[in-house]
Protein backbone atom coordinates (compact mmCIF):
# COMPACT_ATOMS: atom_id res chain seq x y z
CA MET A 1 190.50 53.77 241.37
CA GLY A 2 188.88 52.47 244.82
CA LEU A 3 186.72 54.32 247.22
CA CYS A 4 189.58 54.83 249.12
CA ALA A 5 192.70 55.48 246.49
CA SER A 6 193.31 59.06 249.16
CA ALA A 7 193.59 57.36 251.94
CA PRO A 8 197.76 57.19 252.96
CA LYS A 9 197.80 54.70 255.09
CA SER A 10 196.38 50.94 256.41
CA ARG A 11 198.32 49.96 258.87
CA THR A 12 195.81 48.47 260.99
CA ASN A 13 194.57 46.09 258.48
CA PRO A 14 194.67 42.71 260.03
CA GLU A 15 194.34 40.98 256.73
CA ARG A 16 197.02 42.88 254.55
CA ASN A 17 199.42 39.92 254.14
CA HIS A 18 196.98 37.13 253.84
CA ILE A 19 195.21 39.56 250.90
CA GLN A 20 198.06 40.80 249.36
CA SER A 21 199.01 37.09 248.49
CA HIS A 22 195.69 35.75 246.69
CA GLN A 23 194.04 39.19 245.71
CA LYS A 24 195.67 38.84 241.86
CA THR A 25 194.06 35.11 241.14
CA ASN A 26 191.12 34.96 243.92
CA VAL A 27 189.78 38.20 244.86
CA HIS A 28 186.11 37.53 245.95
CA SER A 29 186.78 33.89 247.08
CA HIS A 30 188.02 35.50 250.14
CA GLN A 31 185.14 38.10 250.99
CA ASN A 32 182.86 35.20 251.10
CA SER A 33 184.17 33.34 253.91
CA PRO A 34 183.87 34.32 257.58
CA LEU A 35 186.61 36.09 259.40
CA ASN A 36 188.44 33.65 262.13
CA THR A 37 189.68 36.82 264.27
CA SER A 38 191.60 34.29 266.39
CA GLN A 39 193.44 33.20 264.02
CA GLN A 40 194.71 36.74 262.72
CA LYS A 41 198.28 37.57 263.18
CA PHE A 42 199.66 41.37 262.72
CA SER A 43 202.53 42.30 261.38
CA SER A 44 204.86 45.66 260.76
CA PRO A 45 203.71 46.25 257.29
CA ALA A 46 205.55 48.38 255.00
CA PRO A 47 203.81 52.37 253.76
CA GLN A 48 201.50 51.94 251.40
CA GLN A 49 199.94 54.69 248.79
CA THR A 50 196.78 53.15 249.14
CA ALA A 51 194.54 51.18 251.44
CA THR A 52 194.09 47.79 250.62
CA THR A 53 190.69 46.66 249.59
CA VAL A 54 188.53 43.51 250.04
CA GLY A 55 186.56 42.88 246.78
CA GLY A 56 183.24 44.11 246.49
CA GLY A 57 180.17 43.23 244.67
CA GLY A 58 177.76 40.04 246.08
CA GLY A 59 174.29 41.99 245.43
CA GLY A 60 174.30 45.20 246.80
CA GLY A 61 171.26 46.87 245.22
CA GLY A 62 170.20 50.26 243.68
CA GLY A 63 173.43 52.76 242.22
CA GLY A 64 175.51 50.66 241.07
CA ALA A 65 177.55 47.72 242.41
CA THR A 66 178.54 47.95 246.56
CA PRO A 67 182.47 49.36 246.54
CA SER A 68 185.06 47.16 247.87
CA PHE A 69 185.90 47.33 251.85
CA CYS A 70 188.82 49.14 252.79
CA GLU A 71 190.37 51.75 255.39
CA PHE A 72 190.14 55.03 254.90
CA SER A 73 192.03 58.29 256.12
CA PHE A 74 190.68 60.17 259.08
CA GLY A 75 191.20 63.31 256.84
CA ASP A 76 189.04 61.80 254.25
CA LEU A 77 185.86 61.00 256.44
CA LYS A 78 187.10 64.87 258.00
CA ALA A 79 186.15 66.12 254.60
CA ALA A 80 183.15 64.16 253.76
CA THR A 81 181.76 65.34 256.48
CA ASN A 82 182.27 68.73 256.45
CA ASN A 83 184.61 68.98 259.68
CA PHE A 84 181.79 66.35 261.19
CA SER A 85 179.31 69.20 261.20
CA ARG A 86 176.10 68.90 263.28
CA ASP A 87 174.36 69.70 260.51
CA LEU A 88 175.11 66.37 258.81
CA ILE A 89 174.19 64.33 261.85
CA VAL A 90 171.71 61.47 261.16
CA SER A 91 171.99 60.16 264.04
CA GLU A 92 168.22 59.00 265.66
CA SER A 93 169.21 60.67 269.13
CA GLY A 94 170.73 63.30 267.57
CA GLU A 95 173.73 64.75 269.65
CA LYS A 96 172.96 63.08 272.53
CA ALA A 97 173.73 59.48 270.70
CA PRO A 98 176.63 57.78 272.42
CA ASN A 99 178.24 57.63 268.89
CA LEU A 100 176.98 60.01 266.09
CA VAL A 101 176.46 58.77 262.75
CA PHE A 102 176.78 61.89 259.99
CA LYS A 103 175.80 61.59 255.93
CA GLY A 104 179.23 62.55 254.10
CA ARG A 105 180.04 63.07 250.91
CA LEU A 106 183.52 61.53 249.40
CA LYS A 107 185.55 63.27 246.70
CA ASN A 108 183.84 60.96 243.98
CA ARG A 109 180.41 62.42 245.22
CA LYS A 110 179.23 59.17 246.50
CA LEU A 111 177.18 59.47 249.63
CA ILE A 112 178.27 57.46 253.07
CA ALA A 113 176.77 57.05 256.59
CA VAL A 114 180.39 57.62 258.71
CA LYS A 115 179.41 56.25 262.61
CA LYS A 116 182.17 57.96 264.69
CA PHE A 117 182.73 55.97 268.14
CA SER A 118 183.13 57.71 271.16
CA LYS A 119 186.75 58.36 272.79
CA ASN A 120 188.07 55.09 273.95
CA ALA A 121 185.40 52.77 272.82
CA TRP A 122 187.36 50.72 271.04
CA PRO A 123 191.20 51.22 272.36
CA ASP A 124 192.60 48.58 270.95
CA PRO A 125 192.96 49.62 267.16
CA LYS A 126 193.68 45.78 265.91
CA GLN A 127 190.56 44.60 267.89
CA PHE A 128 188.69 47.38 265.96
CA ALA A 129 190.15 46.12 262.66
CA GLU A 130 189.23 42.68 262.96
CA GLU A 131 185.82 43.48 264.04
CA ALA A 132 184.98 45.92 260.97
CA TRP A 133 187.02 43.41 258.47
CA GLY A 134 185.13 40.68 259.56
CA VAL A 135 181.72 42.56 258.93
CA GLY A 136 182.92 44.54 256.07
CA LYS A 137 183.17 41.39 254.21
CA LEU A 138 179.66 40.78 254.06
CA ARG A 139 178.24 41.55 250.99
CA HIS A 140 173.92 40.88 250.64
CA LYS A 141 171.37 43.51 248.28
CA ARG A 142 169.25 43.18 251.85
CA LEU A 143 172.56 45.33 253.54
CA ALA A 144 173.27 48.82 254.03
CA ASN A 145 176.44 47.42 253.64
CA LEU A 146 179.82 48.28 255.46
CA ILE A 147 182.25 49.94 253.09
CA GLY A 148 185.49 50.78 255.69
CA TYR A 149 186.78 52.11 258.46
CA CYS A 150 189.46 54.42 260.07
CA CYS A 151 191.67 54.03 262.97
CA ASP A 152 193.65 57.17 263.55
CA GLY A 153 195.07 57.88 267.13
CA GLU A 154 192.11 57.58 269.38
CA GLU A 155 189.79 57.99 266.28
CA ARG A 156 187.43 54.89 265.54
CA LEU A 157 184.62 54.97 262.48
CA LEU A 158 182.51 52.80 260.13
CA VAL A 159 181.92 53.72 256.89
CA ALA A 160 178.84 52.73 255.28
CA GLU A 161 176.19 52.69 252.21
CA TYR A 162 174.22 55.69 252.91
CA MET A 163 170.50 54.76 253.06
CA PRO A 164 168.31 58.28 251.95
CA ASN A 165 164.83 57.35 253.09
CA ASP A 166 165.00 57.10 256.93
CA THR A 167 164.51 54.72 259.09
CA LEU A 168 161.83 52.14 259.89
CA ALA A 169 161.24 53.97 263.03
CA LYS A 170 160.62 57.46 261.81
CA HIS A 171 157.88 55.50 259.18
CA LEU A 172 156.14 53.60 261.53
CA PHE A 173 156.35 55.90 264.53
CA HIS A 174 156.84 59.68 263.92
CA TRP A 175 154.76 59.64 260.23
CA GLU A 176 153.41 63.16 258.83
CA ASN A 177 151.53 62.48 255.83
CA GLN A 178 150.86 58.42 255.92
CA THR A 179 151.49 55.45 257.36
CA ILE A 180 153.44 52.28 255.65
CA GLU A 181 150.83 50.13 253.59
CA TRP A 182 150.21 46.70 254.34
CA ALA A 183 152.48 45.25 251.68
CA MET A 184 154.94 47.24 252.80
CA ARG A 185 155.09 45.99 256.19
CA ILE A 186 155.24 42.32 255.10
CA ARG A 187 158.32 43.32 252.67
CA VAL A 188 160.03 44.35 255.66
CA ALA A 189 159.29 41.87 257.84
CA GLN A 190 160.69 38.96 254.96
CA TYR A 191 164.04 41.21 253.74
CA ILE A 192 164.72 41.83 257.47
CA SER A 193 164.71 37.90 257.35
CA ASP A 194 166.31 37.00 254.41
CA ALA A 195 169.55 39.48 255.32
CA LEU A 196 169.20 37.37 258.58
CA SER A 197 169.53 34.51 256.99
CA TYR A 198 172.48 35.64 254.40
CA CYS A 199 174.71 36.93 257.73
CA SER A 200 173.98 33.89 259.92
CA THR A 201 175.39 31.30 256.76
CA GLU A 202 178.38 34.17 256.56
CA GLY A 203 178.90 32.92 260.39
CA ARG A 204 177.59 36.71 261.89
CA GLU A 205 174.63 35.15 263.92
CA LEU A 206 174.73 37.79 266.29
CA TYR A 207 173.21 41.26 265.80
CA HIS A 208 173.42 43.68 268.69
CA ASP A 209 169.95 45.02 269.44
CA LEU A 210 167.66 44.83 266.45
CA ASN A 211 164.97 47.71 266.40
CA ALA A 212 163.07 49.80 263.66
CA TYR A 213 166.04 52.16 264.56
CA ARG A 214 168.09 49.58 262.25
CA ILE A 215 165.95 49.31 259.13
CA LEU A 216 166.86 51.78 256.89
CA PHE A 217 165.14 52.37 253.58
CA ASP A 218 167.58 52.80 250.48
CA GLU A 219 166.87 54.68 247.32
CA ASP A 220 164.12 52.36 245.39
CA GLY A 221 161.89 52.43 249.22
CA ASP A 222 163.23 49.14 249.60
CA PRO A 223 164.03 48.48 253.60
CA ARG A 224 167.65 47.10 254.38
CA LEU A 225 168.84 46.19 257.88
CA SER A 226 172.31 48.74 259.11
CA CYS A 227 175.35 46.58 259.09
CA PHE A 228 176.10 48.76 262.17
CA GLY A 229 174.50 46.47 264.15
CA PHE A 230 177.02 43.86 263.67
CA MET A 231 179.83 45.71 266.28
CA ARG A 232 178.93 46.98 269.43
CA ASN A 233 179.20 50.20 270.39
CA SER A 234 182.39 49.69 272.05
CA ARG A 235 184.68 47.07 273.10
CA ASP A 236 182.91 46.27 276.45
CA GLY A 237 179.65 47.80 275.86
CA LYS A 238 176.01 46.60 275.89
CA SER A 239 174.64 45.16 273.53
CA TYR A 240 171.32 46.46 274.03
CA SER A 241 170.62 49.99 274.73
CA THR A 242 166.85 50.20 274.49
CA ASN A 243 164.49 50.24 277.22
CA LEU A 244 165.02 46.93 279.14
CA ALA A 245 161.67 45.99 278.69
CA TYR A 246 162.46 45.51 275.28
CA THR A 247 165.43 43.81 275.76
CA PRO A 248 165.88 39.51 275.37
CA PRO A 249 165.58 37.83 278.99
CA GLU A 250 168.59 35.97 278.79
CA TYR A 251 170.42 39.15 278.48
CA LEU A 252 168.70 40.60 281.32
CA LYS A 253 169.97 37.45 283.16
CA HIS A 254 173.50 36.81 281.88
CA GLY A 255 174.24 40.31 279.96
CA ARG A 256 175.19 38.38 276.66
CA VAL A 257 174.14 37.98 273.48
CA ILE A 258 172.83 34.44 271.56
CA PRO A 259 171.40 34.24 267.91
CA GLU A 260 168.37 33.50 269.81
CA SER A 261 168.51 36.64 271.15
CA VAL A 262 168.48 38.06 267.51
CA VAL A 263 165.38 36.35 267.24
CA TYR A 264 163.97 37.85 270.01
CA SER A 265 164.36 41.18 269.06
CA PHE A 266 163.15 40.68 266.16
CA GLY A 267 159.80 39.80 267.46
CA THR A 268 159.99 43.25 268.50
CA VAL A 269 160.41 44.25 265.32
CA LEU A 270 157.09 42.59 264.32
CA LEU A 271 154.97 44.00 266.85
CA ASP A 272 156.26 47.58 265.41
CA LEU A 273 154.81 46.66 262.33
CA LEU A 274 151.88 45.11 263.11
CA SER A 275 150.75 47.92 266.02
CA GLY A 276 152.79 50.79 264.70
CA LYS A 277 153.98 51.76 267.96
CA HIS A 278 156.73 50.62 270.42
CA ILE A 279 154.89 48.13 272.37
CA PRO A 280 156.39 46.36 275.51
CA PRO A 281 156.19 42.69 274.18
CA SER A 282 155.04 41.54 277.84
CA HIS A 283 151.85 43.73 277.24
CA ALA A 284 151.50 42.60 273.50
CA LEU A 285 151.81 38.75 274.75
CA ASP A 286 148.84 39.49 277.00
CA LEU A 287 146.97 41.26 273.88
CA ILE A 288 147.48 37.83 271.78
CA ARG A 289 146.75 35.43 274.49
CA GLY A 290 143.48 37.31 274.86
CA LYS A 291 142.83 36.76 271.16
CA ASN A 292 142.79 40.67 271.30
CA ILE A 293 144.53 40.77 268.28
CA ILE A 294 142.83 43.64 266.72
CA LEU A 295 143.32 45.74 269.70
CA LEU A 296 147.27 44.93 268.53
CA MET A 297 146.76 46.26 264.78
CA GLU A 298 147.44 49.45 263.54
CA SER A 299 144.39 51.64 264.05
CA HIS A 300 145.77 53.79 260.73
CA LEU A 301 145.63 51.03 258.83
CA GLU A 302 141.52 51.39 258.94
CA GLY A 303 141.00 47.81 258.06
CA ASN A 304 143.49 48.01 255.04
CA PHE A 305 145.38 44.45 255.90
CA SER A 306 144.97 40.87 255.41
CA THR A 307 143.92 39.06 258.69
CA ASP A 308 144.90 35.83 257.25
CA GLU A 309 148.69 37.55 257.02
CA ALA A 310 147.92 39.12 260.39
CA THR A 311 147.51 36.15 261.89
CA ILE A 312 150.64 34.42 260.89
CA LEU A 313 153.13 37.60 261.65
CA VAL A 314 151.25 37.39 265.14
CA ASP A 315 151.60 33.94 265.83
CA LEU A 316 155.25 34.32 264.74
CA ALA A 317 155.91 37.14 266.91
CA SER A 318 154.70 34.95 269.86
CA LYS A 319 157.10 32.63 269.02
CA CYS A 320 159.95 34.84 268.99
CA LEU A 321 159.05 36.38 272.20
CA GLN A 322 159.35 32.63 274.13
CA TYR A 323 160.80 33.58 277.24
CA GLU A 324 163.18 30.46 276.71
CA PRO A 325 165.64 30.76 273.87
CA LYS A 326 165.40 26.94 272.56
CA ASP A 327 161.15 27.81 272.51
CA ARG A 328 162.01 30.17 269.74
CA PRO A 329 161.98 29.59 265.99
CA SER A 330 165.43 29.76 263.75
CA ILE A 331 166.40 32.16 261.53
CA LYS A 332 165.21 29.84 258.63
CA ASP A 333 161.68 29.21 260.57
CA LEU A 334 161.16 33.09 260.18
CA VAL A 335 162.13 33.31 256.23
CA ALA A 336 160.07 30.00 255.35
CA THR A 337 157.15 31.60 257.79
CA LEU A 338 157.60 34.50 255.59
CA ALA A 339 158.51 33.68 252.00
CA PRO A 340 155.24 32.64 250.89
CA LEU A 341 153.32 35.86 252.44
CA GLN A 342 156.06 37.87 250.12
CA THR A 343 154.24 36.26 246.87
CA LYS A 344 151.09 36.88 247.72
CA CYS A 345 152.04 40.86 248.12
CA ASP A 346 150.17 43.23 245.45
CA VAL A 347 152.42 44.54 243.19
CA ARG A 348 150.25 47.23 242.32
CA ARG A 349 149.35 48.56 245.71
CA MET A 350 153.38 48.13 246.80
CA PHE A 351 154.29 50.64 244.12
CA PHE A 352 152.19 52.92 245.70
CA SER A 353 153.08 52.47 249.23
CA ARG A 354 156.88 53.21 247.55
CA LYS A 355 155.65 56.88 247.33
CA LEU A 356 155.99 57.53 251.54
CA PHE A 357 160.09 57.43 250.94
CA VAL A 358 160.08 59.38 248.13
CA ASN A 359 161.94 62.89 249.28
């Protein structure tokens, strides 16, 4: 029985007819081809007992295989979150967030993260379903994978794997006992570049508002990229909700996100990892140009980092933050630059750094 076996309907599934005709012979091949939303056709489906799913697998890390993507009923998600209890809100901004994220538990005891969109954020259920199914095809061990969605009346919700060990922002900016060690910072940069590279090859080059709050830690203490960032907060909403000082220049000028915008945002994450603070890119670039790299570095590391590796990260951040999109490196360049650093990480230190993420 699948995760959504108790969901009574899936009327907004834009791929039902296509999947039903092929899933007996080729369930997993469909998952790896990006959704072409311009070619989707919607029909009036016959009622079903269970929700249609897209095959799972594909490398979900920790806790077994990633569940198949499917449509949940609103009743199931209401029950899973104790009627969307305030006590289960895990959004960084709490109840002030425009779209709340709740911790939930399904009947099979599996923990989930449920993003509940504000009313009228996505008025067209078919458009929301198209977007959700496109993101739901992504399956990778570096992602907090999307496992389902819900369209019920005005309700629009996304369901993802739950990551129990908080966000990069919390561990960098709001830590209590110990900051993140250098080896883990390298690992974060490398793993997130891997996630972006995978998504790019799957036709999902755009990620909205990449920042330290979008990077989550799984049960093993490894970083993953939240899949929620592949969908905007509303059909016509802003792609960036952070301070304008951290927003790509082309978004400020034209109001649109391009693949190079994601690289710019990755550069701001590198600054966070280097400094342990949310430094405006313009200020960081002034320090870099003035060769004041030590002033940029996290003081709580107390010098426990590789100067060579730090120099490589600073140089990469500087390239990512170039004003002109054409002057920024590609996602492949990010992976190529960071991959050798990961192989040099001290495994023993990495093991101890994982203690930072044990509840």
